[in-house]
Amino acid sequence: MCKIIQARSPQILRLAALFLVIVFGLTLRRFGYAADLPFIVVKYGGSALWGAMVYLFVALIAARSRPAAIAVTALFIASSVELFRLYHTPWLDAFRLTTAGALLLGRVFSLWNMLAYAIGIAAACTFDPARRTATRLRR
């Protein structure tokens, strides 16, 4: 029983980290300007958190994969979503105008967003709770 809990613990930590990243990202986007944070912090901080969210989501699904493989997959997904912004149809543009559409797909293509995603993914990979737990267990 104890081994089962230990094996699941990194995934529980990842899930908690995912939840926190989502809360921080939504809070930053909702209250960042009201708190007089600079545009660059609100805009690209939110994008970096979105990249971290993608990393943690992929890490939950592919729990046994190496962190580098998870990071590459997350960067591919995040970049694909950004490139998808270049594709326009009336129904897709209508969805992008909703809050959910703006948060999930975004509205405007930006290469700077891809850089922010990469930074967020790198940070999430570096501070991945499962990676840190595995390192601690090896010692």
N, C-alpha and C. Protein backbone atom coordinates (compact mmCIF):
# COMPACT_ATOMS: atom_id res chain seq x y z
N MET A 1 0.83 -1.19 0.00
CA MET A 1 0.00 0.00 0.00
C MET A 1 0.86 1.25 0.00
N CYS A 2 1.90 1.25 0.82
CA CYS A 2 2.78 2.42 0.93
C CYS A 2 3.51 2.67 -0.40
N LYS A 3 3.91 1.60 -1.10
CA LYS A 3 4.58 1.76 -2.39
C LYS A 3 3.65 2.35 -3.43
N ILE A 4 2.37 2.00 -3.38
CA ILE A 4 1.39 2.55 -4.31
C ILE A 4 1.26 4.05 -4.09
N ILE A 5 1.20 4.47 -2.83
CA ILE A 5 1.10 5.89 -2.52
C ILE A 5 2.36 6.62 -2.97
N GLN A 6 3.54 6.01 -2.75
CA GLN A 6 4.78 6.63 -3.19
C GLN A 6 4.83 6.77 -4.70
N ALA A 7 4.38 5.76 -5.42
CA ALA A 7 4.39 5.81 -6.88
C ALA A 7 3.43 6.86 -7.39
N ARG A 8 2.31 7.05 -6.73
CA ARG A 8 1.30 8.02 -7.16
C ARG A 8 1.66 9.44 -6.72
N SER A 9 2.47 9.57 -5.70
CA SER A 9 2.77 10.87 -5.13
C SER A 9 3.28 11.89 -6.16
N PRO A 10 4.22 11.53 -7.03
CA PRO A 10 4.66 12.51 -8.03
C PRO A 10 3.52 12.98 -8.94
N GLN A 11 2.62 12.08 -9.29
CA GLN A 11 1.50 12.47 -10.13
C GLN A 11 0.54 13.40 -9.39
N ILE A 12 0.35 13.15 -8.10
CA ILE A 12 -0.49 14.04 -7.30
C ILE A 12 0.16 15.42 -7.22
N LEU A 13 1.49 15.44 -7.06
CA LEU A 13 2.20 16.72 -7.04
C LEU A 13 2.08 17.44 -8.37
N ARG A 14 2.17 16.70 -9.47
CA ARG A 14 2.00 17.31 -10.79
C ARG A 14 0.60 17.88 -10.95
N LEU A 15 -0.39 17.13 -10.49
CA LEU A 15 -1.77 17.60 -10.58
C LEU A 15 -1.96 18.88 -9.76
N ALA A 16 -1.39 18.92 -8.57
CA ALA A 16 -1.46 20.12 -7.73
C ALA A 16 -0.75 21.29 -8.41
N ALA A 17 0.42 21.02 -8.99
CA ALA A 17 1.15 22.07 -9.71
C ALA A 17 0.35 22.57 -10.90
N LEU A 18 -0.28 21.65 -11.62
CA LEU A 18 -1.12 22.04 -12.75
C LEU A 18 -2.25 22.96 -12.30
N PHE A 19 -2.91 22.59 -11.22
CA PHE A 19 -3.99 23.41 -10.68
C PHE A 19 -3.47 24.80 -10.30
N LEU A 20 -2.33 24.86 -9.62
CA LEU A 20 -1.77 26.16 -9.22
C LEU A 20 -1.38 27.02 -10.42
N VAL A 21 -0.80 26.41 -11.43
CA VAL A 21 -0.42 27.15 -12.63
C VAL A 21 -1.66 27.73 -13.30
N ILE A 22 -2.72 26.96 -13.39
CA ILE A 22 -3.97 27.45 -13.99
C ILE A 22 -4.52 28.61 -13.18
N VAL A 23 -4.55 28.47 -11.85
CA VAL A 23 -5.06 29.54 -10.98
C VAL A 23 -4.20 30.80 -11.13
N PHE A 24 -2.87 30.64 -11.12
CA PHE A 24 -1.99 31.81 -11.27
C PHE A 24 -2.18 32.46 -12.63
N GLY A 25 -2.29 31.66 -13.68
CA GLY A 25 -2.47 32.21 -15.02
C GLY A 25 -3.77 32.99 -15.16
N LEU A 26 -4.87 32.41 -14.67
CA LEU A 26 -6.16 33.11 -14.74
C LEU A 26 -6.15 34.37 -13.87
N THR A 27 -5.52 34.28 -12.72
CA THR A 27 -5.42 35.45 -11.83
C THR A 27 -4.59 36.55 -12.49
N LEU A 28 -3.48 36.17 -13.09
CA LEU A 28 -2.63 37.16 -13.76
C LEU A 28 -3.38 37.85 -14.89
N ARG A 29 -4.08 37.08 -15.70
CA ARG A 29 -4.82 37.67 -16.82
C ARG A 29 -5.99 38.53 -16.35
N ARG A 30 -6.62 38.12 -15.26
CA ARG A 30 -7.81 38.85 -14.77
C ARG A 30 -7.45 40.10 -13.99
N PHE A 31 -6.43 40.00 -13.13
CA PHE A 31 -6.12 41.11 -12.22
C PHE A 31 -4.76 41.75 -12.46
N GLY A 32 -4.00 41.28 -13.43
CA GLY A 32 -2.65 41.80 -13.66
C GLY A 32 -2.61 43.29 -13.96
N TYR A 33 -3.47 43.75 -14.85
CA TYR A 33 -3.47 45.17 -15.20
C TYR A 33 -4.01 46.01 -14.04
N ALA A 34 -5.02 45.48 -13.33
CA ALA A 34 -5.58 46.20 -12.17
C ALA A 34 -4.54 46.35 -11.06
N ALA A 35 -3.60 45.42 -10.99
CA ALA A 35 -2.53 45.49 -10.00
C ALA A 35 -1.36 46.32 -10.51
N ASP A 36 -1.56 46.99 -11.64
CA ASP A 36 -0.54 47.84 -12.27
C ASP A 36 0.73 47.09 -12.67
N LEU A 37 0.58 45.83 -13.00
CA LEU A 37 1.72 45.08 -13.53
C LEU A 37 1.95 45.52 -14.97
N PRO A 38 3.19 45.54 -15.41
CA PRO A 38 3.48 45.94 -16.78
C PRO A 38 2.86 44.98 -17.80
N PHE A 39 2.57 45.50 -18.98
CA PHE A 39 1.98 44.71 -20.07
C PHE A 39 2.78 43.44 -20.32
N ILE A 40 4.09 43.57 -20.40
CA ILE A 40 4.94 42.42 -20.73
C ILE A 40 4.80 41.30 -19.70
N VAL A 41 4.62 41.66 -18.43
CA VAL A 41 4.46 40.65 -17.37
C VAL A 41 3.12 39.95 -17.51
N VAL A 42 2.07 40.72 -17.74
CA VAL A 42 0.73 40.14 -17.86
C VAL A 42 0.63 39.29 -19.13
N LYS A 43 1.02 39.85 -20.25
CA LYS A 43 0.87 39.17 -21.54
C LYS A 43 1.75 37.93 -21.63
N TYR A 44 3.05 38.13 -21.44
CA TYR A 44 3.96 37.02 -21.66
C TYR A 44 4.12 36.14 -20.42
N GLY A 45 3.84 36.68 -19.24
CA GLY A 45 3.78 35.84 -18.04
C GLY A 45 2.65 34.84 -18.16
N GLY A 46 1.50 35.30 -18.66
CA GLY A 46 0.37 34.41 -18.90
C GLY A 46 0.70 33.35 -19.94
N SER A 47 1.43 33.75 -20.97
CA SER A 47 1.83 32.78 -22.01
C SER A 47 2.82 31.76 -21.46
N ALA A 48 3.75 32.21 -20.62
CA ALA A 48 4.71 31.28 -20.01
C ALA A 48 3.97 30.30 -19.10
N LEU A 49 3.00 30.79 -18.35
CA LEU A 49 2.20 29.90 -17.50
C LEU A 49 1.38 28.93 -18.34
N TRP A 50 0.90 29.38 -19.50
CA TRP A 50 0.16 28.50 -20.40
C TRP A 50 1.08 27.37 -20.89
N GLY A 51 2.32 27.72 -21.23
CA GLY A 51 3.29 26.70 -21.64
C GLY A 51 3.58 25.72 -20.52
N ALA A 52 3.71 26.22 -19.29
CA ALA A 52 3.93 25.35 -18.14
C ALA A 52 2.73 24.43 -17.93
N MET A 53 1.53 24.96 -18.15
CA MET A 53 0.32 24.15 -18.02
C MET A 53 0.33 23.00 -19.04
N VAL A 54 0.73 23.30 -20.27
CA VAL A 54 0.79 22.26 -21.30
C VAL A 54 1.80 21.18 -20.89
N TYR A 55 2.96 21.61 -20.39
CA TYR A 55 3.97 20.64 -19.94
C TYR A 55 3.39 19.73 -18.86
N LEU A 56 2.77 20.32 -17.85
CA LEU A 56 2.25 19.52 -16.74
C LEU A 56 1.11 18.61 -17.19
N PHE A 57 0.29 19.06 -18.12
CA PHE A 57 -0.78 18.23 -18.64
C PHE A 57 -0.20 17.03 -19.39
N VAL A 58 0.78 17.28 -20.24
CA VAL A 58 1.43 16.18 -20.96
C VAL A 58 2.12 15.24 -19.97
N ALA A 59 2.75 15.79 -18.94
CA ALA A 59 3.43 14.98 -17.93
C ALA A 59 2.46 14.08 -17.19
N LEU A 60 1.24 14.56 -16.98
CA LEU A 60 0.23 13.72 -16.33
C LEU A 60 -0.18 12.56 -17.23
N ILE A 61 -0.28 12.83 -18.52
CA ILE A 61 -0.71 11.79 -19.46
C ILE A 61 0.42 10.79 -19.74
N ALA A 62 1.62 11.31 -19.93
CA ALA A 62 2.78 10.47 -20.26
C ALA A 62 3.71 10.41 -19.06
N ALA A 63 3.21 9.92 -17.95
CA ALA A 63 3.91 9.96 -16.67
C ALA A 63 5.26 9.24 -16.69
N ARG A 64 5.40 8.21 -17.48
CA ARG A 64 6.63 7.43 -17.47
C ARG A 64 7.67 7.93 -18.47
N SER A 65 7.33 8.95 -19.21
CA SER A 65 8.26 9.51 -20.20
C SER A 65 9.33 10.35 -19.51
N ARG A 66 10.44 10.50 -20.19
CA ARG A 66 11.52 11.33 -19.66
C ARG A 66 11.12 12.80 -19.76
N PRO A 67 11.58 13.62 -18.83
CA PRO A 67 11.21 15.04 -18.85
C PRO A 67 11.53 15.74 -20.17
N ALA A 68 12.64 15.38 -20.79
CA ALA A 68 12.99 16.01 -22.08
C ALA A 68 11.96 15.67 -23.15
N ALA A 69 11.50 14.43 -23.17
CA ALA A 69 10.48 14.02 -24.15
C ALA A 69 9.16 14.74 -23.88
N ILE A 70 8.84 14.89 -22.60
CA ILE A 70 7.62 15.62 -22.23
C ILE A 70 7.74 17.06 -22.68
N ALA A 71 8.90 17.67 -22.46
CA ALA A 71 9.11 19.07 -22.84
C ALA A 71 9.01 19.26 -24.35
N VAL A 72 9.60 18.36 -25.11
CA VAL A 72 9.53 18.47 -26.58
C VAL A 72 8.08 18.32 -27.05
N THR A 73 7.36 17.37 -26.48
CA THR A 73 5.96 17.18 -26.84
C THR A 73 5.13 18.41 -26.49
N ALA A 74 5.36 18.96 -25.30
CA ALA A 74 4.64 20.16 -24.87
C ALA A 74 4.94 21.34 -25.78
N LEU A 75 6.20 21.50 -26.17
CA LEU A 75 6.57 22.60 -27.07
C LEU A 75 5.93 22.41 -28.44
N PHE A 76 5.86 21.18 -28.91
CA PHE A 76 5.19 20.90 -30.19
C PHE A 76 3.71 21.28 -30.11
N ILE A 77 3.05 20.88 -29.03
CA ILE A 77 1.63 21.19 -28.86
C ILE A 77 1.41 22.70 -28.77
N ALA A 78 2.19 23.36 -27.93
CA ALA A 78 2.04 24.80 -27.75
C ALA A 78 2.31 25.56 -29.06
N SER A 79 3.35 25.16 -29.78
CA SER A 79 3.66 25.80 -31.06
C SER A 79 2.57 25.54 -32.09
N SER A 80 2.02 24.33 -32.07
CA SER A 80 0.95 23.99 -33.00
C SER A 80 -0.29 24.84 -32.74
N VAL A 81 -0.62 25.04 -31.47
CA VAL A 81 -1.77 25.88 -31.13
C VAL A 81 -1.52 27.32 -31.60
N GLU A 82 -0.30 27.79 -31.42
CA GLU A 82 0.04 29.16 -31.86
C GLU A 82 -0.06 29.26 -33.38
N LEU A 83 0.47 28.29 -34.09
CA LEU A 83 0.39 28.30 -35.56
C LEU A 83 -1.06 28.16 -36.04
N PHE A 84 -1.88 27.47 -35.26
CA PHE A 84 -3.29 27.29 -35.60
C PHE A 84 -4.02 28.63 -35.64
N ARG A 85 -3.46 29.64 -34.96
CA ARG A 85 -4.06 30.97 -34.97
C ARG A 85 -4.02 31.62 -36.34
N LEU A 86 -3.19 31.10 -37.21
CA LEU A 86 -3.11 31.62 -38.57
C LEU A 86 -4.24 31.10 -39.45
N TYR A 87 -4.94 30.10 -38.98
CA TYR A 87 -6.06 29.50 -39.72
C TYR A 87 -7.36 30.17 -39.28
N HIS A 88 -8.14 30.62 -40.25
CA HIS A 88 -9.37 31.35 -39.93
C HIS A 88 -10.57 30.79 -40.68
N THR A 89 -11.62 30.56 -39.92
CA THR A 89 -12.94 30.24 -40.46
C THR A 89 -13.93 31.04 -39.61
N PRO A 90 -15.12 31.30 -40.12
CA PRO A 90 -16.09 32.08 -39.33
C PRO A 90 -16.40 31.47 -37.97
N TRP A 91 -16.65 30.15 -37.92
CA TRP A 91 -17.00 29.53 -36.63
C TRP A 91 -15.84 29.53 -35.66
N LEU A 92 -14.60 29.36 -36.19
CA LEU A 92 -13.42 29.35 -35.34
C LEU A 92 -13.14 30.76 -34.80
N ASP A 93 -13.28 31.75 -35.66
CA ASP A 93 -13.09 33.14 -35.21
C ASP A 93 -14.14 33.53 -34.19
N ALA A 94 -15.37 33.04 -34.36
CA ALA A 94 -16.42 33.32 -33.37
C ALA A 94 -16.07 32.68 -32.03
N PHE A 95 -15.53 31.47 -32.05
CA PHE A 95 -15.12 30.81 -30.81
C PHE A 95 -13.97 31.56 -30.16
N ARG A 96 -13.03 32.05 -30.97
CA ARG A 96 -11.89 32.79 -30.42
C ARG A 96 -12.32 34.08 -29.72
N LEU A 97 -13.48 34.60 -30.06
CA LEU A 97 -13.98 35.82 -29.42
C LEU A 97 -14.58 35.55 -28.04
N THR A 98 -14.82 34.28 -27.72
CA THR A 98 -15.33 33.94 -26.39
C THR A 98 -14.17 33.88 -25.41
N THR A 99 -14.47 33.93 -24.12
CA THR A 99 -13.42 33.83 -23.10
C THR A 99 -12.70 32.49 -23.20
N ALA A 100 -13.46 31.42 -23.32
CA ALA A 100 -12.85 30.09 -23.43
C ALA A 100 -11.97 30.01 -24.68
N GLY A 101 -12.44 30.52 -25.78
CA GLY A 101 -11.67 30.50 -27.02
C GLY A 101 -10.39 31.30 -26.91
N ALA A 102 -10.47 32.46 -26.26
CA ALA A 102 -9.28 33.30 -26.09
C ALA A 102 -8.26 32.62 -25.19
N LEU A 103 -8.72 31.98 -24.12
CA LEU A 103 -7.80 31.32 -23.19
C LEU A 103 -7.19 30.06 -23.78
N LEU A 104 -7.97 29.29 -24.51
CA LEU A 104 -7.48 28.02 -25.05
C LEU A 104 -6.71 28.16 -26.35
N LEU A 105 -7.23 29.00 -27.26
CA LEU A 105 -6.62 29.11 -28.58
C LEU A 105 -5.93 30.44 -28.83
N GLY A 106 -6.31 31.47 -28.09
CA GLY A 106 -5.76 32.79 -28.34
C GLY A 106 -6.41 33.42 -29.55
N ARG A 107 -6.04 34.65 -29.80
CA ARG A 107 -6.68 35.38 -30.91
C ARG A 107 -5.71 35.75 -32.01
N VAL A 108 -4.50 36.16 -31.64
CA VAL A 108 -3.55 36.71 -32.60
C VAL A 108 -2.24 35.92 -32.55
N PHE A 109 -1.72 35.58 -33.72
CA PHE A 109 -0.45 34.86 -33.82
C PHE A 109 0.70 35.76 -33.36
N SER A 110 1.64 35.18 -32.61
CA SER A 110 2.81 35.93 -32.16
C SER A 110 3.99 34.98 -31.95
N LEU A 111 5.10 35.29 -32.59
CA LEU A 111 6.31 34.50 -32.35
C LEU A 111 6.79 34.68 -30.92
N TRP A 112 6.53 35.85 -30.33
CA TRP A 112 6.92 36.09 -28.94
C TRP A 112 6.21 35.14 -27.99
N ASN A 113 4.98 34.78 -28.32
CA ASN A 113 4.27 33.80 -27.50
C ASN A 113 5.00 32.47 -27.49
N MET A 114 5.53 32.07 -28.65
CA MET A 114 6.26 30.80 -28.72
C MET A 114 7.48 30.83 -27.80
N LEU A 115 8.16 31.97 -27.75
CA LEU A 115 9.31 32.11 -26.85
C LEU A 115 8.84 32.00 -25.39
N ALA A 116 7.72 32.66 -25.08
CA ALA A 116 7.18 32.59 -23.72
C ALA A 116 6.76 31.17 -23.37
N TYR A 117 6.17 30.46 -24.32
CA TYR A 117 5.80 29.06 -24.07
C TYR A 117 7.05 28.24 -23.75
N ALA A 118 8.10 28.44 -24.55
CA ALA A 118 9.34 27.68 -24.34
C ALA A 118 9.92 27.96 -22.95
N ILE A 119 9.87 29.21 -22.53
CA ILE A 119 10.37 29.57 -21.20
C ILE A 119 9.53 28.90 -20.11
N GLY A 120 8.21 28.93 -20.28
CA GLY A 120 7.32 28.29 -19.31
C GLY A 120 7.51 26.78 -19.26
N ILE A 121 7.69 26.18 -20.41
CA ILE A 121 7.92 24.73 -20.48
C ILE A 121 9.25 24.37 -19.83
N ALA A 122 10.28 25.15 -20.11
CA ALA A 122 11.59 24.90 -19.50
C ALA A 122 11.52 25.04 -17.98
N ALA A 123 10.81 26.05 -17.50
CA ALA A 123 10.66 26.23 -16.05
C ALA A 123 9.89 25.07 -15.43
N ALA A 124 8.80 24.67 -16.09
CA ALA A 124 8.01 23.55 -15.57
C ALA A 124 8.83 22.26 -15.56
N CYS A 125 9.63 22.06 -16.59
CA CYS A 125 10.48 20.86 -16.65
C CYS A 125 11.52 20.90 -15.54
N THR A 126 12.11 22.06 -15.31
CA THR A 126 13.12 22.21 -14.28
C THR A 126 12.55 21.96 -12.89
N PHE A 127 11.35 22.47 -12.65
CA PHE A 127 10.75 22.36 -11.33
C PHE A 127 9.66 21.28 -11.26
N ASP A 128 9.66 20.36 -12.21
CA ASP A 128 8.67 19.28 -12.25
C ASP A 128 8.71 18.51 -10.93
N PRO A 129 7.58 18.48 -10.20
CA PRO A 129 7.57 17.79 -8.91
C PRO A 129 7.96 16.33 -9.01
N ALA A 130 7.59 15.65 -10.06
CA ALA A 130 7.93 14.23 -10.22
C ALA A 130 9.43 14.07 -10.44
N ARG A 131 10.01 14.96 -11.18
CA ARG A 131 11.45 14.91 -11.44
C ARG A 131 12.22 15.15 -10.15
N ARG A 132 11.78 16.11 -9.37
CA ARG A 132 12.44 16.43 -8.11
C ARG A 132 12.27 15.28 -7.11
N THR A 133 11.09 14.65 -7.10
CA THR A 133 10.86 13.52 -6.19
C THR A 133 11.73 12.34 -6.58
N ALA A 134 11.86 12.06 -7.88
CA ALA A 134 12.69 10.95 -8.34
C ALA A 134 14.14 11.18 -7.99
N THR A 135 14.61 12.42 -8.10
CA THR A 135 16.00 12.74 -7.74
C THR A 135 16.23 12.52 -6.25
N ARG A 136 15.28 12.92 -5.43
CA ARG A 136 15.38 12.75 -3.99
C ARG A 136 15.39 11.26 -3.62
N LEU A 137 14.58 10.45 -4.31
CA LEU A 137 14.51 9.03 -3.99
C LEU A 137 15.79 8.29 -4.37
N ARG A 138 16.51 8.76 -5.39
CA ARG A 138 17.73 8.11 -5.83
C ARG A 138 18.86 8.31 -4.84
N ARG A 139 18.81 9.36 -4.05
CA ARG A 139 19.93 9.67 -3.12
C ARG A 139 19.96 8.76 -1.96
